[in-house]
C-alpha atoms as a PDB file:
ATOM      1  CA  MET A   1     -47.176-128.714 -23.239  1.00  0.00           C
ATOM      2  CA  GLY A   2     -47.983-132.337 -24.063  1.00  0.00           C
ATOM      3  CA  ALA A   3     -45.894-135.502 -23.985  1.00  0.00           C
ATOM      4  CA  GLN A   4     -45.763-139.023 -25.414  1.00  0.00           C
ATOM      5  CA  PRO A   5     -43.855-141.699 -23.425  1.00  0.00           C
ATOM      6  CA  ARG A   6     -40.962-143.584 -24.976  1.00  0.00           C
ATOM      7  CA  ARG A   7     -38.339-145.699 -23.122  1.00  0.00           C
ATOM      8  CA  GLU A   8     -36.258-145.775 -19.916  1.00  0.00           C
ATOM      9  CA  ALA A   9     -32.724-144.685 -18.957  1.00  0.00           C
ATOM     10  CA  SER A  10     -30.320-144.828 -16.023  1.00  0.00           C
ATOM     11  CA  PRO A  11     -30.332-141.751 -13.734  1.00  0.00           C
ATOM     12  CA  GLY A  12     -26.539-141.741 -13.597  1.00  0.00           C
ATOM     13  CA  ARG A  13     -26.190-141.699 -17.383  1.00  0.00           C
ATOM     14  CA  ILE A  14     -28.642-138.814 -17.702  1.00  0.00           C
ATOM     15  CA  GLN A  15     -26.833-136.761 -15.097  1.00  0.00           C
ATOM     16  CA  ASP A  16     -23.496-137.122 -16.926  1.00  0.00           C
ATOM     17  CA  HIS A  17     -24.965-136.273 -20.331  1.00  0.00           C
ATOM     18  CA  PRO A  18     -23.706-132.924 -21.742  1.00  0.00           C
ATOM     19  CA  ARG A  19     -27.319-131.779 -22.229  1.00  0.00           C
ATOM     20  CA  GLY A  20     -28.366-132.695 -18.693  1.00  0.00           C
ATOM     21  CA  GLY A  21     -29.662-129.335 -17.411  1.00  0.00           C
ATOM     22  CA  PRO A  22     -31.822-128.981 -14.270  1.00  0.00           C
ATOM     23  CA  THR A  23     -35.160-128.981 -16.122  1.00  0.00           C
ATOM     24  CA  ILE A  24     -34.492-132.335 -17.749  1.00  0.00           C
ATOM     25  CA  LEU A  25     -32.963-133.795 -14.600  1.00  0.00           C
ATOM     26  CA  ARG A  26     -36.175-133.005 -12.703  1.00  0.00           C
ATOM     27  CA  ILE A  27     -38.225-134.752 -15.391  1.00  0.00           C
ATOM     28  CA  VAL A  28     -35.941-137.795 -15.383  1.00  0.00           C
ATOM     29  CA  LEU A  29     -35.948-138.026 -11.595  1.00  0.00           C
ATOM     30  CA  GLY A  30     -39.733-137.743 -11.490  1.00  0.00           C
ATOM     31  CA  THR A  31     -40.166-140.385 -14.188  1.00  0.00           C
ATOM     32  CA  GLN A  32     -37.858-142.805 -12.404  1.00  0.00           C
ATOM     33  CA  LEU A  33     -39.580-142.279  -9.058  1.00  0.00           C
ATOM     34  CA  ARG A  34     -42.986-142.838 -10.652  1.00  0.00           C
ATOM     35  CA  ARG A  35     -41.725-146.092 -12.200  1.00  0.00           C
ATOM     36  CA  LEU A  36     -40.444-147.297  -8.814  1.00  0.00           C
ATOM     37  CA  ARG A  37     -43.717-146.375  -7.097  1.00  0.00           C
ATOM     38  CA  GLU A  38     -45.857-148.159  -9.680  1.00  0.00           C
ATOM     39  CA  GLU A  39     -43.641-151.264  -9.613  1.00  0.00           C
ATOM     40  CA  ARG A  40     -44.259-151.502  -5.848  1.00  0.00           C
ATOM     41  CA  GLY A  41     -47.992-150.870  -6.221  1.00  0.00           C
ATOM     42  CA  ILE A  42     -47.859-147.837  -3.916  1.00  0.00           C
ATOM     43  CA  SER A  43     -50.441-145.057  -4.243  1.00  0.00           C
ATOM     44  CA  ARG A  44     -49.584-141.374  -4.583  1.00  0.00           C
ATOM     45  CA  GLU A  45     -51.351-140.782  -1.272  1.00  0.00           C
ATOM     46  CA  ALA A  46     -49.076-143.249   0.540  1.00  0.00           C
ATOM     47  CA  ALA A  47     -45.988-141.790  -1.135  1.00  0.00           C
ATOM     48  CA  GLY A  48     -47.091-138.301  -0.138  1.00  0.00           C
ATOM     49  CA  GLU A  49     -47.437-139.340   3.501  1.00  0.00           C
ATOM     50  CA  ALA A  50     -43.890-140.752   3.434  1.00  0.00           C
ATOM     51  CA  ILE A  51     -42.489-137.306   2.630  1.00  0.00           C
ATOM     52  CA  ARG A  52     -44.888-135.370   4.840  1.00  0.00           C
ATOM     53  CA  GLY A  53     -46.781-134.105   1.795  1.00  0.00           C
ATOM     54  CA  SER A  54     -49.824-134.870  -0.331  1.00  0.00           C
ATOM     55  CA  HIS A  55     -50.639-136.865  -3.462  1.00  0.00           C
ATOM     56  CA  ALA A  56     -50.587-133.537  -5.349  1.00  0.00           C
ATOM     57  CA  LYS A  57     -46.974-132.966  -4.307  1.00  0.00           C
ATOM     58  CA  ILE A  58     -46.040-136.443  -5.569  1.00  0.00           C
ATOM     59  CA  SER A  59     -47.832-135.729  -8.843  1.00  0.00           C
ATOM     60  CA  ARG A  60     -45.892-132.477  -9.359  1.00  0.00           C
ATOM     61  CA  LEU A  61     -42.643-134.203  -8.453  1.00  0.00           C
ATOM     62  CA  GLU A  62     -43.248-137.106 -10.844  1.00  0.00           C
ATOM     63  CA  LEU A  63     -44.057-134.697 -13.676  1.00  0.00           C
ATOM     64  CA  GLY A  64     -40.792-132.834 -13.067  1.00  0.00           C
ATOM     65  CA  ARG A  65     -42.568-129.568 -12.352  1.00  0.00           C
ATOM     66  CA  VAL A  66     -40.796-129.012  -9.040  1.00  0.00           C
ATOM     67  CA  GLY A  67     -37.447-129.854  -7.520  1.00  0.00           C
ATOM     68  CA  CYS A  68     -37.166-132.419  -4.750  1.00  0.00           C
ATOM     69  CA  LYS A  69     -35.260-132.327  -1.473  1.00  0.00           C
ATOM     70  CA  GLU A  70     -32.643-135.010  -0.937  1.00  0.00           C
ATOM     71  CA  ARG A  71     -34.410-136.063   2.256  1.00  0.00           C
ATOM     72  CA  ASP A  72     -37.669-136.602   0.366  1.00  0.00           C
ATOM     73  CA  VAL A  73     -35.948-138.684  -2.316  1.00  0.00           C
ATOM     74  CA  ALA A  74     -34.214-140.773   0.359  1.00  0.00           C
ATOM     75  CA  ASP A  75     -37.535-141.405   2.115  1.00  0.00           C
ATOM     76  CA  LEU A  76     -39.217-142.387  -1.156  1.00  0.00           C
ATOM     77  CA  LEU A  77     -36.385-144.760  -2.049  1.00  0.00           C
ATOM     78  CA  THR A  78     -36.801-146.419   1.340  1.00  0.00           C
ATOM     79  CA  LEU A  79     -40.559-146.700   0.797  1.00  0.00           C
ATOM     80  CA  TYR A  80     -39.922-148.188  -2.663  1.00  0.00           C
ATOM     81  CA  GLU A  81     -37.419-150.676  -1.176  1.00  0.00           C
ATOM     82  CA  VAL A  82     -34.383-149.429  -3.080  1.00  0.00           C
ATOM     83  CA  TRP A  83     -31.621-150.678  -0.787  1.00  0.00           C
ATOM     84  CA  ASP A  84     -28.589-150.832  -3.085  1.00  0.00           C
ATOM     85  CA  ARG A  85     -26.198-148.119  -1.874  1.00  0.00           C
ATOM     86  CA  GLU A  86     -24.846-147.245  -5.337  1.00  0.00           C
ATOM     87  CA  GLU A  87     -28.316-147.021  -6.871  1.00  0.00           C
ATOM     88  CA  ARG A  88     -29.585-144.852  -4.021  1.00  0.00           C
ATOM     89  CA  GLU A  89     -26.617-142.507  -4.407  1.00  0.00           C
ATOM     90  CA  GLU A  90     -27.359-142.125  -8.135  1.00  0.00           C
ATOM     91  CA  TYR A  91     -30.864-140.919  -7.341  1.00  0.00           C
ATOM     92  CA  LEU A  92     -29.695-138.613  -4.564  1.00  0.00           C
ATOM     93  CA  GLU A  93     -27.004-137.089  -6.766  1.00  0.00           C
ATOM     94  CA  LEU A  94     -29.600-136.571  -9.482  1.00  0.00           C
ATOM     95  CA  ALA A  95     -31.801-134.739  -6.960  1.00  0.00           C
ATOM     96  CA  ARG A  96     -28.893-132.476  -5.973  1.00  0.00           C
ATOM     97  CA  HIS A  97     -28.160-131.488  -9.582  1.00  0.00           C
ATOM     98  CA  ALA A  98     -31.845-131.115 -10.467  1.00  0.00           C
ATOM     99  CA  GLY A  99     -32.131-128.337  -7.895  1.00  0.00           C
ATOM    100  CA  SER A 100     -29.391-126.167  -9.399  1.00  0.00           C
ATOM    101  CA  PRO A 101     -30.432-122.979 -11.250  1.00  0.00           C
ATOM    102  CA  GLY A 102     -30.308-122.710 -15.045  1.00  0.00           C
ATOM    103  CA  TRP A 103     -28.415-119.861 -16.752  1.00  0.00           C
ATOM    104  CA  TRP A 104     -31.730-118.284 -17.812  1.00  0.00           C
ATOM    105  CA  GLN A 105     -32.909-117.705 -14.248  1.00  0.00           C
ATOM    106  CA  LYS A 106     -30.861-114.520 -14.074  1.00  0.00           C
ATOM    107  CA  TYR A 107     -33.513-113.133 -16.451  1.00  0.00           C
ATOM    108  CA  SER A 108     -36.436-114.060 -14.181  1.00  0.00           C
ATOM    109  CA  ASP A 109     -37.511-110.407 -14.020  1.00  0.00           C
ATOM    110  CA  VAL A 110     -38.468-110.484 -17.719  1.00  0.00           C
ATOM    111  CA  MET A 111     -39.452-114.129 -18.094  1.00  0.00           C
ATOM    112  CA  SER A 112     -42.636-116.053 -17.359  1.00  0.00           C
ATOM    113  CA  PRO A 113     -42.558-119.494 -15.655  1.00  0.00           C
ATOM    114  CA  TRP A 114     -43.669-121.330 -18.817  1.00  0.00           C
ATOM    115  CA  PHE A 115     -40.795-119.791 -20.792  1.00  0.00           C
ATOM    116  CA  ASP A 116     -38.386-120.839 -18.038  1.00  0.00           C
ATOM    117  CA  ARG A 117     -39.452-124.443 -18.654  1.00  0.00           C
ATOM    118  CA  LEU A 118     -39.140-124.134 -22.444  1.00  0.00           C
ATOM    119  CA  LEU A 119     -35.571-122.822 -22.186  1.00  0.00           C
ATOM    120  CA  GLY A 120     -34.620-125.729 -19.961  1.00  0.00           C
ATOM    121  CA  LEU A 121     -36.104-128.189 -22.444  1.00  0.00           C
ATOM    122  CA  GLU A 122     -34.393-126.533 -25.420  1.00  0.00           C
ATOM    123  CA  GLU A 123     -31.059-126.806 -23.644  1.00  0.00           C
ATOM    124  CA  ALA A 124     -31.504-130.566 -23.266  1.00  0.00           C
ATOM    125  CA  ALA A 125     -33.125-131.344 -26.636  1.00  0.00           C
ATOM    126  CA  ALA A 126     -31.447-133.330 -29.382  1.00  0.00           C
ATOM    127  CA  MET A 127     -33.966-132.098 -31.963  1.00  0.00           C
ATOM    128  CA  ILE A 128     -36.094-128.935 -31.969  1.00  0.00           C
ATOM    129  CA  ARG A 129     -38.821-128.765 -34.611  1.00  0.00           C
ATOM    130  CA  THR A 130     -40.693-125.491 -34.820  1.00  0.00           C
ATOM    131  CA  TYR A 131     -43.358-123.902 -37.019  1.00  0.00           C
ATOM    132  CA  GLU A 132     -43.887-120.132 -37.026  1.00  0.00           C
ATOM    133  CA  VAL A 133     -46.741-118.209 -38.604  1.00  0.00           C
ATOM    134  CA  GLN A 134     -46.054-114.506 -38.026  1.00  0.00           C
ATOM    135  CA  PHE A 135     -42.386-114.126 -37.122  1.00  0.00           C
ATOM    136  CA  VAL A 136     -38.956-115.589 -37.677  1.00  0.00           C
ATOM    137  CA  PRO A 137     -38.345-118.224 -34.945  1.00  0.00           C
ATOM    138  CA  GLY A 138     -36.727-116.753 -31.836  1.00  0.00           C
ATOM    139  CA  LEU A 139     -33.689-119.019 -32.213  1.00  0.00           C
ATOM    140  CA  LEU A 140     -32.977-117.458 -35.620  1.00  0.00           C
ATOM    141  CA  GLN A 141     -33.753-113.778 -35.026  1.00  0.00           C
ATOM    142  CA  THR A 142     -31.154-111.037 -35.370  1.00  0.00           C
ATOM    143  CA  ARG A 143     -30.799-108.571 -32.525  1.00  0.00           C
ATOM    144  CA  ASP A 144     -32.527-105.742 -34.411  1.00  0.00           C
ATOM    145  CA  TYR A 145     -35.373-107.958 -35.616  1.00  0.00           C
ATOM    146  CA  ALA A 146     -35.826-109.301 -32.070  1.00  0.00           C
ATOM    147  CA  ARG A 147     -36.019-105.720 -30.822  1.00  0.00           C
ATOM    148  CA  GLU A 148     -38.945-105.032 -33.183  1.00  0.00           C
ATOM    149  CA  VAL A 149     -40.759-108.236 -32.162  1.00  0.00           C
ATOM    150  CA  ILE A 150     -40.286-107.469 -28.467  1.00  0.00           C
ATOM    151  CA  ARG A 151     -41.479-103.902 -28.982  1.00  0.00           C
ATOM    152  CA  LEU A 152     -44.717-105.256 -30.479  1.00  0.00           C
ATOM    153  CA  GLY A 153     -45.256-107.814 -27.732  1.00  0.00           C
ATOM    154  CA  HIS A 154     -44.286-105.578 -24.797  1.00  0.00           C
ATOM    155  CA  PRO A 155     -45.174-102.004 -25.777  1.00  0.00           C
ATOM    156  CA  ARG A 156     -45.098-100.756 -22.163  1.00  0.00           C
ATOM    157  CA  ASP A 157     -41.551-101.906 -21.434  1.00  0.00           C
ATOM    158  CA  ASP A 158     -38.944 -99.261 -20.770  1.00  0.00           C
ATOM    159  CA  SER A 159     -35.626 -99.469 -22.624  1.00  0.00           C
ATOM    160  CA  ARG A 160     -33.926-101.420 -19.822  1.00  0.00           C
ATOM    161  CA  ARG A 161     -36.520-104.192 -19.773  1.00  0.00           C
ATOM    162  CA  SER A 162     -36.555-104.362 -23.567  1.00  0.00           C
ATOM    163  CA  GLU A 163     -32.780-104.784 -23.659  1.00  0.00           C
ATOM    164  CA  ARG A 164     -33.003-107.482 -20.986  1.00  0.00           C
ATOM    165  CA  ARG A 165     -35.452-109.402 -23.148  1.00  0.00           C
ATOM    166  CA  ILE A 166     -33.180-109.014 -26.170  1.00  0.00           C
ATOM    167  CA  GLU A 167     -30.143-110.245 -24.221  1.00  0.00           C
ATOM    168  CA  LEU A 168     -32.118-113.280 -23.080  1.00  0.00           C
ATOM    169  CA  ARG A 169     -33.094-114.072 -26.665  1.00  0.00           C
ATOM    170  CA  MET A 170     -29.527-113.710 -27.922  1.00  0.00           C
ATOM    171  CA  GLU A 171     -28.110-115.889 -25.147  1.00  0.00           C
ATOM    172  CA  ARG A 172     -30.818-118.467 -25.826  1.00  0.00           C
ATOM    173  CA  GLN A 173     -29.507-118.818 -29.385  1.00  0.00           C
ATOM    174  CA  SER A 174     -26.082-119.935 -28.143  1.00  0.00           C
ATOM    175  CA  ILE A 175     -27.350-123.528 -27.842  1.00  0.00           C
ATOM    176  CA  LEU A 176     -27.038-123.797 -31.639  1.00  0.00           C
ATOM    177  CA  ASP A 177     -23.289-123.121 -31.505  1.00  0.00           C
ATOM    178  CA  LYS A 178     -22.299-125.513 -28.720  1.00  0.00           C
ATOM    179  CA  PRO A 179     -20.353-128.755 -29.374  1.00  0.00           C
ATOM    180  CA  HIS A 180     -23.434-130.842 -28.505  1.00  0.00           C
ATOM    181  CA  SER A 181     -25.908-128.486 -30.174  1.00  0.00           C
ATOM    182  CA  PRO A 182     -29.408-129.729 -30.993  1.00  0.00           C
ATOM    183  CA  ARG A 183     -30.666-130.060 -34.546  1.00  0.00           C
ATOM    184  CA  LEU A 184     -33.102-127.290 -35.426  1.00  0.00           C
ATOM    185  CA  TRP A 185     -35.758-127.908 -38.061  1.00  0.00           C
ATOM    186  CA  ALA A 186     -37.643-124.645 -38.555  1.00  0.00           C
ATOM    187  CA  VAL A 187     -40.628-124.207 -40.863  1.00  0.00           C
ATOM    188  CA  MET A 188     -41.844-120.654 -41.427  1.00  0.00           C
ATOM    189  CA  ASP A 189     -44.982-119.446 -43.102  1.00  0.00           C
ATOM    190  CA  GLU A 190     -44.258-117.167 -46.056  1.00  0.00           C
ATOM    191  CA  ALA A 191     -46.131-114.442 -44.171  1.00  0.00           C
ATOM    192  CA  ALA A 192     -43.296-114.269 -41.636  1.00  0.00           C
ATOM    193  CA  LEU A 193     -40.946-113.145 -44.402  1.00  0.00           C
ATOM    194  CA  ARG A 194     -43.408-110.908 -46.234  1.00  0.00           C
ATOM    195  CA  ARG A 195     -44.486-108.981 -43.150  1.00  0.00           C
ATOM    196  CA  PRO A 196     -42.010-106.102 -42.635  1.00  0.00           C
ATOM    197  CA  LEU A 197     -40.730-105.401 -39.139  1.00  0.00           C
ATOM    198  CA  GLY A 198     -38.640-102.306 -38.643  1.00  0.00           C
ATOM    199  CA  SER A 199     -36.721-100.755 -41.505  1.00  0.00           C
ATOM    200  CA  ARG A 200     -35.725-102.336 -44.814  1.00  0.00           C
ATOM    201  CA  GLN A 201     -32.223-102.695 -43.403  1.00  0.00           C
ATOM    202  CA  VAL A 202     -33.550-104.704 -40.447  1.00  0.00           C
ATOM    203  CA  MET A 203     -35.451-107.077 -42.741  1.00  0.00           C
ATOM    204  CA  ARG A 204     -32.554-107.425 -45.160  1.00  0.00           C
ATOM    205  CA  ALA A 205     -30.148-108.287 -42.350  1.00  0.00           C
ATOM    206  CA  GLN A 206     -32.641-110.815 -40.994  1.00  0.00           C
ATOM    207  CA  LEU A 207     -33.032-112.512 -44.374  1.00  0.00           C
ATOM    208  CA  GLU A 208     -29.254-112.668 -44.815  1.00  0.00           C
ATOM    209  CA  HIS A 209     -28.970-114.193 -41.348  1.00  0.00           C
ATOM    210  CA  LEU A 210     -31.509-116.889 -42.269  1.00  0.00           C
ATOM    211  CA  ILE A 211     -29.581-117.742 -45.437  1.00  0.00           C
ATOM    212  CA  GLU A 212     -26.377-118.069 -43.441  1.00  0.00           C
ATOM    213  CA  ALA A 213     -28.084-120.126 -40.714  1.00  0.00           C
ATOM    214  CA  ALA A 214     -29.490-122.546 -43.300  1.00  0.00           C
ATOM    215  CA  ARG A 215     -25.910-123.383 -44.310  1.00  0.00           C
ATOM    216  CA  GLN A 216     -25.172-124.768 -40.842  1.00  0.00           C
ATOM    217  CA  PRO A 217     -25.180-128.586 -40.678  1.00  0.00           C
ATOM    218  CA  ASN A 218     -27.470-128.680 -37.629  1.00  0.00           C
ATOM    219  CA  ILE A 219     -30.104-126.288 -39.032  1.00  0.00           C
ATOM    220  CA  THR A 220     -32.818-127.062 -41.586  1.00  0.00           C
ATOM    221  CA  LEU A 221     -34.961-124.121 -42.701  1.00  0.00           C
ATOM    222  CA  GLN A 222     -38.087-124.468 -44.839  1.00  0.00           C
ATOM    223  CA  ILE A 223     -40.683-121.960 -46.036  1.00  0.00           C
ATOM    224  CA  ALA A 224     -44.379-122.847 -46.358  1.00  0.00           C
ATOM    225  CA  PRO A 225     -45.506-120.743 -49.372  1.00  0.00           C
ATOM    226  CA  PHE A 226     -48.915-119.139 -49.733  1.00  0.00           C
ATOM    227  CA  SER A 227     -49.560-121.506 -52.655  1.00  0.00           C
ATOM    228  CA  MET A 228     -49.851-124.419 -50.197  1.00  0.00           C
ATOM    229  CA  GLY A 229     -53.176-123.048 -49.029  1.00  0.00           C
ATOM    230  CA  GLY A 230     -54.364-123.728 -45.475  1.00  0.00           C
ATOM    231  CA  LEU A 231     -52.129-125.439 -42.913  1.00  0.00           C
ATOM    232  CA  ALA A 232     -53.095-127.583 -39.932  1.00  0.00           C
ATOM    233  CA  ALA A 233     -50.905-125.445 -37.647  1.00  0.00           C
ATOM    234  CA  ALA A 234     -52.283-122.126 -38.883  1.00  0.00           C
ATOM    235  CA  GLY A 235     -53.618-121.275 -35.412  1.00  0.00           C
ATOM    236  CA  GLY A 236     -50.214-120.332 -34.061  1.00  0.00           C
ATOM    237  CA  PRO A 237     -46.601-121.376 -33.538  1.00  0.00           C
ATOM    238  CA  VAL A 238     -45.789-124.889 -32.366  1.00  0.00           C
ATOM    239  CA  THR A 239     -42.531-126.462 -31.163  1.00  0.00           C
ATOM    240  CA  ILE A 240     -41.784-130.175 -30.711  1.00  0.00           C
ATOM    241  CA  LEU A 241     -38.749-131.152 -28.658  1.00  0.00           C
ATOM    242  CA  ARG A 242     -37.132-134.590 -28.829  1.00  0.00           C
ATOM    243  CA  PHE A 243     -34.426-135.917 -26.522  1.00  0.00           C
ATOM    244  CA  LEU A 244     -31.696-138.532 -26.837  1.00  0.00           C
ATOM    245  CA  GLU A 245     -32.462-139.866 -23.371  1.00  0.00           C
ATOM    246  CA  PRO A 246     -34.792-142.865 -23.801  1.00  0.00           C
ATOM    247  CA  ASP A 247     -36.676-142.114 -20.582  1.00  0.00           C
ATOM    248  CA  LEU A 248     -37.841-138.738 -21.868  1.00  0.00           C
ATOM    249  CA  PRO A 249     -40.957-138.190 -23.998  1.00  0.00           C
ATOM    250  CA  ASP A 250     -41.330-135.861 -26.942  1.00  0.00           C
ATOM    251  CA  ILE A 251     -42.734-132.578 -25.631  1.00  0.00           C
ATOM    252  CA  VAL A 252     -45.028-130.258 -27.589  1.00  0.00           C
ATOM    253  CA  TYR A 253     -45.043-126.543 -26.786  1.00  0.00           C
ATOM    254  CA  LEU A 254     -47.889-124.280 -27.934  1.00  0.00           C
ATOM    255  CA  GLU A 255     -47.626-120.539 -27.312  1.00  0.00           C
ATOM    256  CA  GLN A 256     -51.355-119.999 -27.689  1.00  0.00           C
ATOM    257  CA  LEU A 257     -52.225-122.202 -24.681  1.00  0.00           C
END
């Protein structure tokens, strides 16, 4: 994943936002702590010593890759000379919420760590832009089509694990139906529609589902026809996530990396 910085936001406002899941809260907390550290001219090594850790631990924390103990946040705030009681409590409350599990963690037995992070980012995104080469995007797959895709990708799975993966994919799609749902802009290569998966009935139902999805106000669906020739993203699927929170960067997700 890659990121481009944008603006700043208050930790309290982020925490209260309806899209404020634990993944995003960790990123926000890390970004805010990095800003405070840099404003004070304190090195990562010195910050690491303050929490009985290393500069690598501070780096992971500031990137939002790990949760942070309340005690560590309190010690960092003291080091960074944040004395205002209300401001300190905002950061500590953010740390408490950032450590809570996401709904998807109940599927940890069939999910890799990188996908865990993507699901957390999708949950918090205001806009999801995705390009798919071979398949219908996961957020728009029917259950039967998803079963065929999962069968191809995980041929050694028994029926129980396959069904677990399907349930995860179906529950993932629920973000598009929530009151504060993100906008989805999906571009598919024509090959994804031409390549049959499963029976004719499976493909027909999938195409009908795409037509219905495209009628939703928060979903834009486009097809890149063969007549366009080569595409810059032909190497594989790519997803770009954008957030309302000004402190959060756009994040690019590439499955092939």
